[in-house]
Amino acid sequence: LVDRLLATLLYERLGLPQVAIARLFAVAPQTINRRIRKTHQLLDEIGHINAPAEHRLATLDDLADLATQLGITPPPEIKTAS
């Protein structure tokens, strides 16, 4: 559930493209699309409004840059669960 919520927030709030989110989670873009749609529906049901951020992201590099600006040090390599 946490990863689905994160993917949805990355897409809806920060505007990160679904293809980039799919790369981040090491899944197919179609999987991300289905999960975002379902999570969005659940958030709508509870009345959660997800306002877009002032600055939108276009790439994973943009996400890493934002993390660095916020004082978050991204890991040099993302480790998968496998």
C-alpha atoms as a PDB file:
ATOM      1  CA  LEU A   1       0.000   0.000   0.000  1.00  0.00           C
ATOM      2  CA  VAL A   2       2.818   2.416   0.832  1.00  0.00           C
ATOM      3  CA  ASP A   3       4.465   2.019  -2.565  1.00  0.00           C
ATOM      4  CA  ARG A   4       1.126   2.535  -4.337  1.00  0.00           C
ATOM      5  CA  LEU A   5       0.448   5.681  -2.362  1.00  0.00           C
ATOM      6  CA  LEU A   6       3.968   6.974  -3.058  1.00  0.00           C
ATOM      7  CA  ALA A   7       3.589   6.297  -6.784  1.00  0.00           C
ATOM      8  CA  THR A   8       0.238   8.102  -6.806  1.00  0.00           C
ATOM      9  CA  LEU A   9       1.606  11.121  -4.959  1.00  0.00           C
ATOM     10  CA  LEU A  10       4.668  11.300  -7.200  1.00  0.00           C
ATOM     11  CA  TYR A  11       2.355  11.339 -10.197  1.00  0.00           C
ATOM     12  CA  GLU A  12      -0.461  13.563  -8.974  1.00  0.00           C
ATOM     13  CA  ARG A  13       1.398  16.033  -6.753  1.00  0.00           C
ATOM     14  CA  LEU A  14       4.796  16.290  -8.436  1.00  0.00           C
ATOM     15  CA  GLY A  15       3.758  15.416 -11.987  1.00  0.00           C
ATOM     16  CA  LEU A  16       6.457  12.772 -12.410  1.00  0.00           C
ATOM     17  CA  PRO A  17       5.574  10.815 -15.570  1.00  0.00           C
ATOM     18  CA  GLN A  18       4.275   7.296 -15.087  1.00  0.00           C
ATOM     19  CA  VAL A  19       7.122   5.894 -17.203  1.00  0.00           C
ATOM     20  CA  ALA A  20       9.660   7.400 -14.784  1.00  0.00           C
ATOM     21  CA  ILE A  21       7.730   6.091 -11.767  1.00  0.00           C
ATOM     22  CA  ALA A  22       7.677   2.633 -13.351  1.00  0.00           C
ATOM     23  CA  ARG A  23      11.474   2.751 -13.682  1.00  0.00           C
ATOM     24  CA  LEU A  24      11.767   3.838 -10.058  1.00  0.00           C
ATOM     25  CA  PHE A  25       9.715   0.841  -8.889  1.00  0.00           C
ATOM     26  CA  ALA A  26      11.128  -1.545 -11.527  1.00  0.00           C
ATOM     27  CA  VAL A  27       7.702  -2.436 -12.940  1.00  0.00           C
ATOM     28  CA  ALA A  28       5.920  -2.003 -16.251  1.00  0.00           C
ATOM     29  CA  PRO A  29       4.305   1.389 -16.938  1.00  0.00           C
ATOM     30  CA  GLN A  30       0.937  -0.377 -17.325  1.00  0.00           C
ATOM     31  CA  THR A  31       1.254  -1.666 -13.750  1.00  0.00           C
ATOM     32  CA  ILE A  32       1.905   1.838 -12.435  1.00  0.00           C
ATOM     33  CA  ASN A  33      -1.051   3.160 -14.428  1.00  0.00           C
ATOM     34  CA  ARG A  34      -3.443   0.589 -12.930  1.00  0.00           C
ATOM     35  CA  ARG A  35      -2.150   1.124  -9.383  1.00  0.00           C
ATOM     36  CA  ILE A  36      -2.369   4.917  -9.638  1.00  0.00           C
ATOM     37  CA  ARG A  37      -5.944   4.733 -10.953  1.00  0.00           C
ATOM     38  CA  LYS A  38      -7.033   2.423  -8.122  1.00  0.00           C
ATOM     39  CA  THR A  39      -5.255   4.446  -5.424  1.00  0.00           C
ATOM     40  CA  HIS A  40      -6.706   7.667  -6.835  1.00  0.00           C
ATOM     41  CA  GLN A  41     -10.195   6.151  -6.562  1.00  0.00           C
ATOM     42  CA  LEU A  42      -9.565   5.195  -2.925  1.00  0.00           C
ATOM     43  CA  LEU A  43      -8.296   8.692  -2.113  1.00  0.00           C
ATOM     44  CA  ASP A  44     -11.384  10.183  -3.776  1.00  0.00           C
ATOM     45  CA  GLU A  45     -13.634   7.945  -1.688  1.00  0.00           C
ATOM     46  CA  ILE A  46     -12.182   9.309   1.552  1.00  0.00           C
ATOM     47  CA  GLY A  47     -12.293  12.894   0.269  1.00  0.00           C
ATOM     48  CA  HIS A  48      -8.530  13.432  -0.001  1.00  0.00           C
ATOM     49  CA  ILE A  49      -7.586  16.249  -2.350  1.00  0.00           C
ATOM     50  CA  ASN A  50      -4.083  16.122  -3.749  1.00  0.00           C
ATOM     51  CA  ALA A  51      -3.039  19.628  -4.797  1.00  0.00           C
ATOM     52  CA  PRO A  52      -0.268  19.817  -7.400  1.00  0.00           C
ATOM     53  CA  ALA A  53       3.066  21.172  -6.245  1.00  0.00           C
ATOM     54  CA  GLU A  54       4.336  24.500  -7.523  1.00  0.00           C
ATOM     55  CA  HIS A  55       7.142  22.847  -9.479  1.00  0.00           C
ATOM     56  CA  ARG A  56       6.497  19.719 -11.512  1.00  0.00           C
ATOM     57  CA  LEU A  57       9.077  17.008 -12.182  1.00  0.00           C
ATOM     58  CA  ALA A  58       9.795  15.502 -15.587  1.00  0.00           C
ATOM     59  CA  THR A  59      12.529  12.961 -14.863  1.00  0.00           C
ATOM     60  CA  LEU A  60      14.056  10.855 -12.115  1.00  0.00           C
ATOM     61  CA  ASP A  61      17.001  13.265 -12.184  1.00  0.00           C
ATOM     62  CA  ASP A  62      14.556  16.041 -11.285  1.00  0.00           C
ATOM     63  CA  LEU A  63      13.378  13.926  -8.351  1.00  0.00           C
ATOM     64  CA  ALA A  64      16.961  13.354  -7.190  1.00  0.00           C
ATOM     65  CA  ASP A  65      17.675  17.097  -7.495  1.00  0.00           C
ATOM     66  CA  LEU A  66      14.576  17.919  -5.430  1.00  0.00           C
ATOM     67  CA  ALA A  67      15.622  15.425  -2.765  1.00  0.00           C
ATOM     68  CA  THR A  68      19.084  16.994  -2.619  1.00  0.00           C
ATOM     69  CA  GLN A  69      17.595  20.506  -2.315  1.00  0.00           C
ATOM     70  CA  LEU A  70      15.509  19.252   0.613  1.00  0.00           C
ATOM     71  CA  GLY A  71      18.576  17.806   2.331  1.00  0.00           C
ATOM     72  CA  ILE A  72      17.759  14.195   1.481  1.00  0.00           C
ATOM     73  CA  THR A  73      20.690  12.181   0.199  1.00  0.00           C
ATOM     74  CA  PRO A  74      19.464   9.686  -2.401  1.00  0.00           C
ATOM     75  CA  PRO A  75      21.203   6.307  -2.341  1.00  0.00           C
ATOM     76  CA  PRO A  76      23.825   5.909  -5.078  1.00  0.00           C
ATOM     77  CA  GLU A  77      22.013   2.798  -6.327  1.00  0.00           C
ATOM     78  CA  ILE A  78      18.463   1.613  -5.810  1.00  0.00           C
ATOM     79  CA  LYS A  79      18.315  -1.944  -4.541  1.00  0.00           C
ATOM     80  CA  THR A  80      15.414  -4.108  -5.651  1.00  0.00           C
ATOM     81  CA  ALA A  81      13.597  -6.572  -3.440  1.00  0.00           C
ATOM     82  CA  SER A  82      14.742  -9.565  -5.506  1.00  0.00           C
END
